C-alpha atoms as a PDB file:
ATOM      1  CA  MET A   1      62.526  20.645   1.352  1.00  0.00           C
ATOM      2  CA  ILE A   2      59.209  22.227   1.296  1.00  0.00           C
ATOM      3  CA  PHE A   3      60.196  24.206  -1.732  1.00  0.00           C
ATOM      4  CA  LEU A   4      60.986  20.999  -3.649  1.00  0.00           C
ATOM      5  CA  ARG A   5      57.787  19.428  -2.546  1.00  0.00           C
ATOM      6  CA  LYS A   6      55.887  22.523  -3.710  1.00  0.00           C
ATOM      7  CA  ASN A   7      57.636  22.389  -7.029  1.00  0.00           C
ATOM      8  CA  GLY A   8      57.080  18.697  -7.254  1.00  0.00           C
ATOM      9  CA  PHE A   9      53.384  19.305  -6.601  1.00  0.00           C
ATOM     10  CA  VAL A  10      53.370  21.928  -9.395  1.00  0.00           C
ATOM     11  CA  TRP A  11      54.972  19.600 -11.830  1.00  0.00           C
ATOM     12  CA  VAL A  12      52.528  16.800 -10.956  1.00  0.00           C
ATOM     13  CA  LEU A  13      49.665  19.252 -11.308  1.00  0.00           C
ATOM     14  CA  LEU A  14      50.908  20.341 -14.713  1.00  0.00           C
ATOM     15  CA  ALA A  15      51.314  16.840 -15.848  1.00  0.00           C
ATOM     16  CA  ILE A  16      47.728  16.061 -14.773  1.00  0.00           C
ATOM     17  CA  LEU A  17      46.353  19.167 -16.486  1.00  0.00           C
ATOM     18  CA  LEU A  18      48.360  18.184 -19.727  1.00  0.00           C
ATOM     19  CA  VAL A  19      47.001  14.653 -19.752  1.00  0.00           C
ATOM     20  CA  SER A  20      43.430  15.922 -19.098  1.00  0.00           C
ATOM     21  CA  PHE A  21      43.802  18.547 -22.052  1.00  0.00           C
ATOM     22  CA  LEU A  22      45.016  15.780 -24.280  1.00  0.00           C
ATOM     23  CA  ALA A  23      42.240  13.459 -23.295  1.00  0.00           C
ATOM     24  CA  VAL A  24      39.594  16.122 -23.805  1.00  0.00           C
ATOM     25  CA  GLY A  25      41.099  17.014 -27.120  1.00  0.00           C
ATOM     26  CA  ALA A  26      41.142  13.397 -28.230  1.00  0.00           C
ATOM     27  CA  ALA A  27      37.574  12.963 -27.163  1.00  0.00           C
ATOM     28  CA  CYS A  28      36.416  16.071 -29.042  1.00  0.00           C
ATOM     29  CA  ALA A  29      38.273  14.855 -32.189  1.00  0.00           C
ATOM     30  CA  LYS A  30      36.635  11.464 -31.763  1.00  0.00           C
ATOM     31  CA  LYS A  31      33.200  12.980 -31.325  1.00  0.00           C
ATOM     32  CA  GLU A  32      33.668  15.122 -34.405  1.00  0.00           C
ATOM     33  CA  THR A  33      34.611  12.102 -36.511  1.00  0.00           C
ATOM     34  CA  ALA A  34      31.705  10.108 -35.072  1.00  0.00           C
ATOM     35  CA  GLN A  35      29.334  12.878 -36.058  1.00  0.00           C
ATOM     36  CA  LYS A  36      30.077  12.312 -39.752  1.00  0.00           C
ATOM     37  CA  PRO A  37      27.850   9.371 -40.903  1.00  0.00           C
ATOM     38  CA  THR A  38      28.767   6.956 -43.496  1.00  0.00           C
ATOM     39  CA  VAL A  39      26.852   8.172 -46.579  1.00  0.00           C
ATOM     40  CA  ILE A  40      24.918   5.167 -48.081  1.00  0.00           C
ATOM     41  CA  PHE A  41      24.156   5.584 -51.774  1.00  0.00           C
ATOM     42  CA  GLY A  42      21.500   3.470 -53.687  1.00  0.00           C
ATOM     43  CA  ASP A  43      23.309   1.435 -56.378  1.00  0.00           C
ATOM     44  CA  GLY A  44      20.811   0.781 -59.043  1.00  0.00           C
ATOM     45  CA  ASN A  45      21.495  -2.100 -61.448  1.00  0.00           C
ATOM     46  CA  TRP A  46      22.369   0.166 -64.394  1.00  0.00           C
ATOM     47  CA  ASP A  47      25.781   1.798 -65.270  1.00  0.00           C
ATOM     48  CA  SER A  48      24.769   5.493 -65.247  1.00  0.00           C
ATOM     49  CA  ILE A  49      23.565   5.641 -61.734  1.00  0.00           C
ATOM     50  CA  GLN A  50      26.702   3.788 -60.545  1.00  0.00           C
ATOM     51  CA  PHE A  51      28.838   6.310 -62.492  1.00  0.00           C
ATOM     52  CA  HIS A  52      27.033   9.300 -60.787  1.00  0.00           C
ATOM     53  CA  ASN A  53      27.349   7.482 -57.339  1.00  0.00           C
ATOM     54  CA  TYR A  54      31.187   7.319 -57.825  1.00  0.00           C
ATOM     55  CA  VAL A  55      31.470  10.897 -58.945  1.00  0.00           C
ATOM     56  CA  ALA A  56      29.702  11.978 -55.662  1.00  0.00           C
ATOM     57  CA  ARG A  57      31.559   9.450 -53.523  1.00  0.00           C
ATOM     58  CA  ILE A  58      34.999  10.430 -54.675  1.00  0.00           C
ATOM     59  CA  ILE A  59      34.204  14.054 -53.970  1.00  0.00           C
ATOM     60  CA  LEU A  60      32.725  13.222 -50.534  1.00  0.00           C
ATOM     61  CA  GLU A  61      35.590  11.003 -49.363  1.00  0.00           C
ATOM     62  CA  ASN A  62      38.461  13.163 -50.544  1.00  0.00           C
ATOM     63  CA  GLY A  63      36.950  16.626 -50.244  1.00  0.00           C
ATOM     64  CA  TYR A  64      34.676  16.333 -47.253  1.00  0.00           C
ATOM     65  CA  GLY A  65      36.272  13.475 -45.253  1.00  0.00           C
ATOM     66  CA  TYR A  66      33.171  11.268 -45.287  1.00  0.00           C
ATOM     67  CA  LYS A  67      33.006   7.514 -45.478  1.00  0.00           C
ATOM     68  CA  THR A  68      30.667   6.252 -48.229  1.00  0.00           C
ATOM     69  CA  ASP A  69      29.141   2.900 -49.281  1.00  0.00           C
ATOM     70  CA  ALA A  70      26.590   1.701 -51.869  1.00  0.00           C
ATOM     71  CA  VAL A  71      23.658  -0.688 -51.532  1.00  0.00           C
ATOM     72  CA  PRO A  72      22.597  -2.700 -54.598  1.00  0.00           C
ATOM     73  CA  SER A  73      18.879  -2.235 -55.283  1.00  0.00           C
ATOM     74  CA  SER A  74      16.214  -2.259 -58.010  1.00  0.00           C
ATOM     75  CA  THR A  75      14.314   1.036 -58.603  1.00  0.00           C
ATOM     76  CA  PRO A  76      11.179   0.091 -56.382  1.00  0.00           C
ATOM     77  CA  VAL A  77      13.565  -1.050 -53.601  1.00  0.00           C
ATOM     78  CA  LEU A  78      15.608   2.046 -53.996  1.00  0.00           C
ATOM     79  CA  LEU A  79      12.518   4.348 -53.332  1.00  0.00           C
ATOM     80  CA  GLU A  80      11.350   2.320 -50.417  1.00  0.00           C
ATOM     81  CA  SER A  81      14.850   2.108 -48.871  1.00  0.00           C
ATOM     82  CA  VAL A  82      15.205   5.983 -49.132  1.00  0.00           C
ATOM     83  CA  LYS A  83      11.816   6.268 -47.444  1.00  0.00           C
ATOM     84  CA  ARG A  84      12.983   4.195 -44.544  1.00  0.00           C
ATOM     85  CA  GLY A  85      16.425   5.836 -44.367  1.00  0.00           C
ATOM     86  CA  ASP A  86      18.269   2.699 -45.034  1.00  0.00           C
ATOM     87  CA  ILE A  87      19.710   4.424 -48.142  1.00  0.00           C
ATOM     88  CA  HIS A  88      20.554   8.111 -47.699  1.00  0.00           C
ATOM     89  CA  VAL A  89      21.176   9.168 -51.368  1.00  0.00           C
ATOM     90  CA  ALA A  90      19.800   8.297 -54.811  1.00  0.00           C
ATOM     91  CA  MET A  91      21.832  10.161 -57.641  1.00  0.00           C
ATOM     92  CA  GLU A  92      19.703   9.147 -60.492  1.00  0.00           C
ATOM     93  CA  PHE A  93      16.035   8.595 -59.955  1.00  0.00           C
ATOM     94  CA  TRP A  94      13.722   8.668 -62.988  1.00  0.00           C
ATOM     95  CA  SER A  95      11.055  10.460 -61.147  1.00  0.00           C
ATOM     96  CA  ASP A  96       8.251  10.915 -63.778  1.00  0.00           C
ATOM     97  CA  MET A  97       8.191   7.163 -64.475  1.00  0.00           C
ATOM     98  CA  HIS A  98       7.033   6.268 -60.911  1.00  0.00           C
ATOM     99  CA  PRO A  99       3.831   7.566 -59.642  1.00  0.00           C
ATOM    100  CA  ALA A 100       4.905   6.659 -56.045  1.00  0.00           C
ATOM    101  CA  TYR A 101       7.655   9.274 -56.265  1.00  0.00           C
ATOM    102  CA  ALA A 102       5.250  12.316 -56.545  1.00  0.00           C
ATOM    103  CA  GLU A 103       3.073  10.997 -53.827  1.00  0.00           C
ATOM    104  CA  GLY A 104       6.086  10.378 -51.536  1.00  0.00           C
ATOM    105  CA  LEU A 105       7.569  13.735 -52.197  1.00  0.00           C
ATOM    106  CA  LYS A 106       4.169  15.381 -51.446  1.00  0.00           C
ATOM    107  CA  ASN A 107       3.897  13.437 -48.198  1.00  0.00           C
ATOM    108  CA  GLY A 108       7.351  14.389 -47.023  1.00  0.00           C
ATOM    109  CA  GLU A 109       8.725  10.838 -47.024  1.00  0.00           C
ATOM    110  CA  PHE A 110      11.942  11.928 -48.870  1.00  0.00           C
ATOM    111  CA  MET A 111      13.528  15.027 -50.107  1.00  0.00           C
ATOM    112  CA  GLU A 112      14.335  16.007 -53.754  1.00  0.00           C
ATOM    113  CA  LEU A 113      17.603  17.900 -53.765  1.00  0.00           C
ATOM    114  CA  GLY A 114      17.791  18.850 -57.405  1.00  0.00           C
ATOM    115  CA  VAL A 115      17.761  17.674 -61.073  1.00  0.00           C
ATOM    116  CA  ASN A 116      20.777  15.660 -62.141  1.00  0.00           C
ATOM    117  CA  PHE A 117      19.682  15.902 -65.780  1.00  0.00           C
ATOM    118  CA  ASP A 118      16.367  16.254 -67.709  1.00  0.00           C
ATOM    119  CA  ASP A 119      17.487  16.405 -71.351  1.00  0.00           C
ATOM    120  CA  ASN A 120      17.116  12.580 -71.713  1.00  0.00           C
ATOM    121  CA  ALA A 121      15.319  11.357 -74.838  1.00  0.00           C
ATOM    122  CA  GLN A 122      14.181   8.209 -76.752  1.00  0.00           C
ATOM    123  CA  GLY A 123      12.570   7.494 -80.042  1.00  0.00           C
ATOM    124  CA  LEU A 124      13.611   6.459 -83.502  1.00  0.00           C
ATOM    125  CA  TYR A 125      17.207   7.096 -84.505  1.00  0.00           C
ATOM    126  CA  VAL A 126      19.198   6.869 -87.772  1.00  0.00           C
ATOM    127  CA  PRO A 127      22.907   7.193 -88.413  1.00  0.00           C
ATOM    128  CA  THR A 128      23.598  10.805 -89.051  1.00  0.00           C
ATOM    129  CA  VAL A 129      25.833   9.785 -91.970  1.00  0.00           C
ATOM    130  CA  ILE A 130      22.848   8.718 -94.163  1.00  0.00           C
ATOM    131  CA  ILE A 131      21.495  12.349 -93.777  1.00  0.00           C
ATOM    132  CA  LYS A 132      24.775  14.208 -94.070  1.00  0.00           C
ATOM    133  CA  GLY A 133      27.244  11.836 -95.701  1.00  0.00           C
ATOM    134  CA  ASP A 134      30.854  11.618 -94.926  1.00  0.00           C
ATOM    135  CA  PRO A 135      33.153  13.179 -97.507  1.00  0.00           C
ATOM    136  CA  ALA A 136      36.217  11.730 -95.597  1.00  0.00           C
ATOM    137  CA  LYS A 137      34.937   8.209 -96.259  1.00  0.00           C
ATOM    138  CA  GLY A 138      33.489   8.998 -99.625  1.00  0.00           C
ATOM    139  CA  ILE A 139      29.879   8.407 -98.420  1.00  0.00           C
ATOM    140  CA  GLU A 140      27.235  10.436-100.108  1.00  0.00           C
ATOM    141  CA  PRO A 141      24.092  11.361 -98.071  1.00  0.00           C
ATOM    142  CA  LEU A 142      21.302   8.886 -98.805  1.00  0.00           C
ATOM    143  CA  ALA A 143      18.530  10.642 -97.269  1.00  0.00           C
ATOM    144  CA  PRO A 144      19.365  14.406 -97.090  1.00  0.00           C
ATOM    145  CA  ASP A 145      15.800  15.363 -96.441  1.00  0.00           C
ATOM    146  CA  LEU A 146      15.103  12.982 -93.748  1.00  0.00           C
ATOM    147  CA  LYS A 147      14.280  14.930 -90.591  1.00  0.00           C
ATOM    148  CA  SER A 148      11.215  13.485 -88.934  1.00  0.00           C
ATOM    149  CA  ILE A 149       9.222  10.293 -88.432  1.00  0.00           C
ATOM    150  CA  SER A 150       6.759  11.714 -90.860  1.00  0.00           C
ATOM    151  CA  ASP A 151       9.410  11.686 -93.585  1.00  0.00           C
ATOM    152  CA  LEU A 152      10.022   7.805 -93.228  1.00  0.00           C
ATOM    153  CA  PRO A 153       7.440   6.690 -95.810  1.00  0.00           C
ATOM    154  CA  LYS A 154       9.209   8.227 -98.734  1.00  0.00           C
ATOM    155  CA  TYR A 155      12.326   6.524 -97.795  1.00  0.00           C
ATOM    156  CA  TRP A 156      11.086   3.031 -96.959  1.00  0.00           C
ATOM    157  CA  LYS A 157      13.132   1.557 -99.873  1.00  0.00           C
ATOM    158  CA  LEU A 158      16.275   2.807 -98.302  1.00  0.00           C
ATOM    159  CA  PHE A 159      15.486   0.710 -95.127  1.00  0.00           C
ATOM    160  CA  LYS A 160      14.253  -2.177 -97.044  1.00  0.00           C
ATOM    161  CA  ASP A 161      13.410  -5.311 -94.992  1.00  0.00           C
ATOM    162  CA  PRO A 162      15.704  -8.079 -96.084  1.00  0.00           C
ATOM    163  CA  GLU A 163      13.008 -10.595 -95.409  1.00  0.00           C
ATOM    164  CA  ASP A 164      10.206  -8.733 -97.012  1.00  0.00           C
ATOM    165  CA  PRO A 165      11.504  -6.377 -99.824  1.00  0.00           C
ATOM    166  CA  THR A 166       8.056  -4.955-100.355  1.00  0.00           C
ATOM    167  CA  LYS A 167       8.502  -2.922 -97.100  1.00  0.00           C
ATOM    168  CA  GLY A 168      11.099  -1.252 -94.970  1.00  0.00           C
ATOM    169  CA  ARG A 169      12.074  -2.315 -91.573  1.00  0.00           C
ATOM    170  CA  ILE A 170      11.959  -0.433 -88.228  1.00  0.00           C
ATOM    171  CA  LEU A 171      14.052  -1.996 -85.577  1.00  0.00           C
ATOM    172  CA  GLY A 172      11.874  -1.828 -82.420  1.00  0.00           C
ATOM    173  CA  SER A 173      12.366  -1.790 -78.658  1.00  0.00           C
ATOM    174  CA  ILE A 174      13.408  -4.761 -76.525  1.00  0.00           C
ATOM    175  CA  PRO A 175      10.719  -7.348 -76.049  1.00  0.00           C
ATOM    176  CA  GLY A 176       9.022  -7.071 -72.737  1.00  0.00           C
ATOM    177  CA  TRP A 177       9.702  -3.354 -72.284  1.00  0.00           C
ATOM    178  CA  VAL A 178       6.807  -0.941 -72.136  1.00  0.00           C
ATOM    179  CA  THR A 179       8.305   1.003 -74.908  1.00  0.00           C
ATOM    180  CA  ASP A 180       7.840  -2.109 -77.212  1.00  0.00           C
ATOM    181  CA  GLU A 181       4.209  -2.026 -76.891  1.00  0.00           C
ATOM    182  CA  GLN A 182       4.142   1.795 -77.151  1.00  0.00           C
ATOM    183  CA  LEU A 183       6.178   1.751 -80.396  1.00  0.00           C
ATOM    184  CA  ARG A 184       3.874  -1.112 -81.953  1.00  0.00           C
ATOM    185  CA  VAL A 185       0.856   1.317 -81.515  1.00  0.00           C
ATOM    186  CA  LYS A 186       2.883   4.328 -82.506  1.00  0.00           C
ATOM    187  CA  VAL A 187       3.825   2.812 -85.801  1.00  0.00           C
ATOM    188  CA  LYS A 188       0.177   2.177 -86.588  1.00  0.00           C
ATOM    189  CA  THR A 189      -0.856   5.607 -85.438  1.00  0.00           C
ATOM    190  CA  TYR A 190       1.499   7.224 -87.933  1.00  0.00           C
ATOM    191  CA  GLY A 191       0.441   4.844 -90.747  1.00  0.00           C
ATOM    192  CA  LEU A 192       3.985   3.483 -90.896  1.00  0.00           C
ATOM    193  CA  ASP A 193       2.741  -0.075 -91.038  1.00  0.00           C
ATOM    194  CA  LYS A 194       1.660   0.560 -94.629  1.00  0.00           C
ATOM    195  CA  THR A 195       5.363   0.859 -95.746  1.00  0.00           C
ATOM    196  CA  PHE A 196       7.282  -0.704 -92.796  1.00  0.00           C
ATOM    197  CA  ASN A 197       7.512  -3.880 -90.829  1.00  0.00           C
ATOM    198  CA  TYR A 198       8.054  -3.506 -87.107  1.00  0.00           C
ATOM    199  CA  PHE A 199      10.875  -5.869 -86.293  1.00  0.00           C
ATOM    200  CA  SER A 200      11.864  -7.105 -82.778  1.00  0.00           C
ATOM    201  CA  PRO A 201      15.728  -7.046 -82.404  1.00  0.00           C
ATOM    202  CA  GLY A 202      15.507  -9.523 -79.709  1.00  0.00           C
ATOM    203  CA  SER A 203      17.885  -7.870 -77.371  1.00  0.00           C
ATOM    204  CA  ASP A 204      19.624  -4.590 -76.498  1.00  0.00           C
ATOM    205  CA  THR A 205      22.986  -6.076 -77.825  1.00  0.00           C
ATOM    206  CA  ALA A 206      21.424  -6.786 -81.312  1.00  0.00           C
ATOM    207  CA  LEU A 207      19.817  -3.426 -81.465  1.00  0.00           C
ATOM    208  CA  ALA A 208      22.998  -1.393 -80.378  1.00  0.00           C
ATOM    209  CA  SER A 209      25.080  -3.508 -82.817  1.00  0.00           C
ATOM    210  CA  ALA A 210      22.757  -2.709 -85.760  1.00  0.00           C
ATOM    211  CA  LEU A 211      22.833   1.005 -85.075  1.00  0.00           C
ATOM    212  CA  ALA A 212      26.558   1.026 -84.513  1.00  0.00           C
ATOM    213  CA  GLN A 213      27.250  -0.699 -87.817  1.00  0.00           C
ATOM    214  CA  GLY A 214      25.046   1.708 -89.639  1.00  0.00           C
ATOM    215  CA  ALA A 215      26.948   4.604 -88.088  1.00  0.00           C
ATOM    216  CA  THR A 216      30.355   3.255 -88.890  1.00  0.00           C
ATOM    217  CA  GLU A 217      29.753   1.808 -92.330  1.00  0.00           C
ATOM    218  CA  GLY A 218      27.085   4.267 -93.570  1.00  0.00           C
ATOM    219  CA  LYS A 219      24.383   1.466 -93.849  1.00  0.00           C
ATOM    220  CA  PRO A 220      20.822   2.633 -93.608  1.00  0.00           C
ATOM    221  CA  VAL A 221      19.025   1.511 -90.584  1.00  0.00           C
ATOM    222  CA  VAL A 222      16.279   3.111 -88.525  1.00  0.00           C
ATOM    223  CA  GLY A 223      15.625   1.875 -84.919  1.00  0.00           C
ATOM    224  CA  TYR A 224      14.514   2.729 -81.408  1.00  0.00           C
ATOM    225  CA  TYR A 225      17.129   3.792 -78.800  1.00  0.00           C
ATOM    226  CA  TRP A 226      17.269   5.906 -75.846  1.00  0.00           C
ATOM    227  CA  GLU A 227      19.689   8.172 -73.968  1.00  0.00           C
ATOM    228  CA  PRO A 228      21.882   8.467 -71.931  1.00  0.00           C
ATOM    229  CA  THR A 229      23.730   5.390 -73.131  1.00  0.00           C
ATOM    230  CA  TRP A 230      27.191   4.513 -74.337  1.00  0.00           C
ATOM    231  CA  LEU A 231      25.855   4.067 -77.900  1.00  0.00           C
ATOM    232  CA  ILE A 232      24.681   7.757 -78.035  1.00  0.00           C
ATOM    233  CA  GLY A 233      28.060   8.906 -76.612  1.00  0.00           C
ATOM    234  CA  LYS A 234      30.187   6.910 -79.071  1.00  0.00           C
ATOM    235  CA  TYR A 235      28.368   7.202 -82.200  1.00  0.00           C
ATOM    236  CA  ASP A 236      26.769   9.992 -84.331  1.00  0.00           C
ATOM    237  CA  LEU A 237      23.010   9.207 -84.374  1.00  0.00           C
ATOM    238  CA  THR A 238      20.159  11.490 -85.120  1.00  0.00           C
ATOM    239  CA  LEU A 239      16.859  11.284 -83.245  1.00  0.00           C
ATOM    240  CA  LEU A 240      14.120  11.838 -85.847  1.00  0.00           C
ATOM    241  CA  ASP A 241      11.874  14.774 -84.968  1.00  0.00           C
ATOM    242  CA  ASP A 242       8.299  14.226 -83.860  1.00  0.00           C
ATOM    243  CA  PHE A 243       5.366  16.294 -82.763  1.00  0.00           C
ATOM    244  CA  GLU A 244       5.881  18.069 -79.501  1.00  0.00           C
ATOM    245  CA  TYR A 245       4.741  16.116 -76.355  1.00  0.00           C
ATOM    246  CA  THR A 246       1.331  16.777 -75.084  1.00  0.00           C
ATOM    247  CA  GLU A 247      -0.651  14.608 -72.844  1.00  0.00           C
ATOM    248  CA  GLU A 248      -3.600  14.629 -75.300  1.00  0.00           C
ATOM    249  CA  ARG A 249      -1.419  13.398 -78.185  1.00  0.00           C
ATOM    250  CA  TRP A 250       0.235  10.888 -76.077  1.00  0.00           C
ATOM    251  CA  GLU A 251      -3.028   9.354 -74.976  1.00  0.00           C
ATOM    252  CA  ASP A 252      -4.050   9.368 -78.692  1.00  0.00           C
ATOM    253  CA  GLY A 253      -1.920   6.405 -79.852  1.00  0.00           C
ATOM    254  CA  TYR A 254       1.453   8.005 -78.752  1.00  0.00           C
ATOM    255  CA  HIS A 255       1.103  10.581 -81.552  1.00  0.00           C
ATOM    256  CA  CYS A 256       4.110  12.662 -80.349  1.00  0.00           C
ATOM    257  CA  GLU A 257       7.555  12.424 -78.979  1.00  0.00           C
ATOM    258  CA  PHE A 258       8.278  10.475 -75.871  1.00  0.00           C
ATOM    259  CA  PRO A 259       8.026  12.583 -72.737  1.00  0.00           C
ATOM    260  CA  GLN A 260      11.345  13.583 -71.222  1.00  0.00           C
ATOM    261  CA  THR A 261      11.828  12.399 -67.660  1.00  0.00           C
ATOM    262  CA  LYS A 262      13.116  14.545 -64.888  1.00  0.00           C
ATOM    263  CA  VAL A 263      16.118  12.523 -63.405  1.00  0.00           C
ATOM    264  CA  THR A 264      16.484  13.757 -59.748  1.00  0.00           C
ATOM    265  CA  VAL A 265      18.986  13.615 -56.902  1.00  0.00           C
ATOM    266  CA  MET A 266      16.977  12.564 -53.722  1.00  0.00           C
ATOM    267  CA  CYS A 267      17.755  11.811 -50.161  1.00  0.00           C
ATOM    268  CA  SER A 268      16.002  10.406 -47.042  1.00  0.00           C
ATOM    269  CA  LYS A 269      14.071  12.873 -45.069  1.00  0.00           C
ATOM    270  CA  ASP A 270      16.340  12.804 -41.995  1.00  0.00           C
ATOM    271  CA  PHE A 271      19.646  13.067 -43.987  1.00  0.00           C
ATOM    272  CA  PRO A 272      19.950  16.891 -44.166  1.00  0.00           C
ATOM    273  CA  ALA A 273      20.195  17.020 -40.306  1.00  0.00           C
ATOM    274  CA  LYS A 274      22.884  14.365 -40.351  1.00  0.00           C
ATOM    275  CA  ALA A 275      25.074  15.788 -43.158  1.00  0.00           C
ATOM    276  CA  PRO A 276      24.016  19.373 -44.080  1.00  0.00           C
ATOM    277  CA  ASP A 277      27.259  20.002 -46.036  1.00  0.00           C
ATOM    278  CA  VAL A 278      26.625  16.872 -48.104  1.00  0.00           C
ATOM    279  CA  VAL A 279      23.101  18.144 -48.939  1.00  0.00           C
ATOM    280  CA  GLU A 280      24.385  21.531 -49.914  1.00  0.00           C
ATOM    281  CA  PHE A 281      26.888  19.937 -52.402  1.00  0.00           C
ATOM    282  CA  LEU A 282      24.303  17.577 -53.756  1.00  0.00           C
ATOM    283  CA  LYS A 283      21.890  20.434 -54.439  1.00  0.00           C
ATOM    284  CA  LYS A 284      24.456  21.864 -56.855  1.00  0.00           C
ATOM    285  CA  TYR A 285      25.078  18.546 -58.537  1.00  0.00           C
ATOM    286  CA  LYS A 286      23.856  18.815 -62.227  1.00  0.00           C
ATOM    287  CA  THR A 287      25.064  17.076 -65.372  1.00  0.00           C
ATOM    288  CA  SER A 288      23.443  16.325 -68.712  1.00  0.00           C
ATOM    289  CA  SER A 289      22.464  13.365 -70.734  1.00  0.00           C
ATOM    290  CA  ALA A 290      25.249  14.145 -73.210  1.00  0.00           C
ATOM    291  CA  LEU A 291      27.866  14.131 -70.330  1.00  0.00           C
ATOM    292  CA  THR A 292      26.530  10.862 -68.936  1.00  0.00           C
ATOM    293  CA  SER A 293      26.527   9.179 -72.431  1.00  0.00           C
ATOM    294  CA  GLU A 294      30.119  10.482 -72.932  1.00  0.00           C
ATOM    295  CA  ALA A 295      31.219   8.765 -69.607  1.00  0.00           C
ATOM    296  CA  LEU A 296      29.373   5.582 -70.572  1.00  0.00           C
ATOM    297  CA  ALA A 297      31.219   5.555 -73.941  1.00  0.00           C
ATOM    298  CA  TYR A 298      34.488   5.972 -72.216  1.00  0.00           C
ATOM    299  CA  MET A 299      33.584   2.883 -70.175  1.00  0.00           C
ATOM    300  CA  PHE A 300      32.772   0.996 -73.342  1.00  0.00           C
ATOM    301  CA  ASP A 301      35.918   2.032 -75.275  1.00  0.00           C
ATOM    302  CA  ASN A 302      38.344   1.311 -72.443  1.00  0.00           C
ATOM    303  CA  LYS A 303      36.492  -1.653 -70.790  1.00  0.00           C
ATOM    304  CA  ALA A 304      36.596   0.542 -67.560  1.00  0.00           C
ATOM    305  CA  SER A 305      34.606   0.333 -64.460  1.00  0.00           C
ATOM    306  CA  THR A 306      31.989   2.859 -63.359  1.00  0.00           C
ATOM    307  CA  GLU A 307      34.536   4.143 -60.706  1.00  0.00           C
ATOM    308  CA  ASP A 308      37.128   4.446 -63.463  1.00  0.00           C
ATOM    309  CA  ALA A 309      34.686   6.524 -65.516  1.00  0.00           C
ATOM    310  CA  ALA A 310      34.001   8.705 -62.582  1.00  0.00           C
ATOM    311  CA  ARG A 311      37.793   9.425 -62.055  1.00  0.00           C
ATOM    312  CA  TRP A 312      38.202  10.139 -65.780  1.00  0.00           C
ATOM    313  CA  PHE A 313      35.251  12.525 -65.677  1.00  0.00           C
ATOM    314  CA  LEU A 314      36.381  14.504 -62.806  1.00  0.00           C
ATOM    315  CA  LYS A 315      39.909  14.924 -64.452  1.00  0.00           C
ATOM    316  CA  GLN A 316      38.300  15.730 -67.812  1.00  0.00           C
ATOM    317  CA  HIS A 317      35.584  18.018 -66.803  1.00  0.00           C
ATOM    318  CA  GLU A 318      36.724  20.238 -63.851  1.00  0.00           C
ATOM    319  CA  GLU A 319      34.592  23.052 -65.423  1.00  0.00           C
ATOM    320  CA  VAL A 320      31.502  21.002 -64.660  1.00  0.00           C
ATOM    321  CA  TRP A 321      31.935  19.887 -61.094  1.00  0.00           C
ATOM    322  CA  THR A 322      34.317  22.496 -59.399  1.00  0.00           C
ATOM    323  CA  PRO A 323      31.349  24.931 -59.110  1.00  0.00           C
ATOM    324  CA  TRP A 324      29.524  22.451 -56.946  1.00  0.00           C
ATOM    325  CA  VAL A 325      32.045  22.731 -54.210  1.00  0.00           C
ATOM    326  CA  SER A 326      34.441  25.268 -52.411  1.00  0.00           C
ATOM    327  CA  LYS A 327      37.920  25.780 -53.724  1.00  0.00           C
ATOM    328  CA  ASP A 328      39.282  24.098 -50.731  1.00  0.00           C
ATOM    329  CA  VAL A 329      37.252  20.909 -51.324  1.00  0.00           C
ATOM    330  CA  ALA A 330      38.088  21.129 -55.149  1.00  0.00           C
ATOM    331  CA  ASP A 331      41.769  21.232 -54.420  1.00  0.00           C
ATOM    332  CA  LYS A 332      41.549  18.220 -52.164  1.00  0.00           C
ATOM    333  CA  VAL A 333      39.636  16.247 -54.764  1.00  0.00           C
ATOM    334  CA  LYS A 334      42.194  17.249 -57.490  1.00  0.00           C
ATOM    335  CA  GLN A 335      45.078  16.195 -55.333  1.00  0.00           C
ATOM    336  CA  ALA A 336      43.624  12.846 -54.634  1.00  0.00           C
ATOM    337  CA  LEU A 337      43.040  12.237 -58.311  1.00  0.00           C
ATOM    338  CA  LYS A 338      46.734  12.576 -59.173  1.00  0.00           C
END
C-alpha cells in the first residue's frame, strides 16, 4: 500500500512538473512573440513609396515573422511622425528637398538607414524616336543631332506651337509646383523664350498623355517630366543634357540640370533597439529609379495595386532583393509568393 502511494506520488509529481514545463514554455513563446513589435510604415500619398513599403512588408511578414501596418501621411507629417516614433519606418524620403531632414538627422531625432535610390532625375524630355527614328515603324529620325537643351533653338520648327506658328512649344510643369516657376525662369535664362513659348499643360495627366503620344506615334514634343514614374518606365524618352549641377549655376537662374535628390530609408531613433534584425535588413535595401519606374509601369499596364506591383517585383527581380536577407529568409519569402 505504501509502495502504491509512493508511486502515485511520483506520478502526481511528474504530472505537476510536466504542466509547469509546458506553462513555462508557453510563457516563453508568448514573451518571444510579444517582443516583436508591429512595424509601422509611413504611407505617403504617392505610388512609389507605397510600392517600396509593400516590398519591405512582404519580406518582414513572411521572412521574419513580423506584423506590419502603414499609416497614411503627407511628407511633413511623415517626418514629424517618425520623430515622435508613431511611425517606425519611411522607405522613400526625399531628403534633400526638406531642410528639416538634415537638422533632425544632426540632432539625432531619427536615423538614416541607407539610400533607397539617388539616380532620380527631372528636366526636359523628348521621345527618343525623334532622335533615333524607328525603322520597324518606318519612322525617320527628325532631330538626329538633338542632345541638349542648348540644341533646342535650331529645332524650334519641329516643335511648332499650334497656337503660335512663329515659335516652338515647351510643355511646362504642373501649375502650382515649384518646378513650374523654376522652369519659367530657366527658359529665359537659356534664351529659349526667343524661339519657344512656355505652355502650361494644366495637369499631370495632360502632360503624360502628350509625351506618351509622342513616344508611340513619333510626334515631336518636348516637355518637363521627372522620374521615377510609370511614364518613364513604360515609354522610351530621352532627358536632354544640361550643364552639370553646381550651386552657383543653380542660383544663377537655374542655369544647369536639376539637382538629384538622395531618397533615403529612415527610421525612428528608438526603433533599432526594438527590431535590430529589421534595421539590418533595411540597411541593405537599395533599388534604383529605373527599377521603381518599371514597377510603376507594371501597375499602369495591368491596373495593379502597389501590393500587386511589390509581389511582381519580388518574383521578377530576385537578383535585387535576395542579397538583402539570409538564404533562410529568402526561401520563406519565395515560398509565400507561390
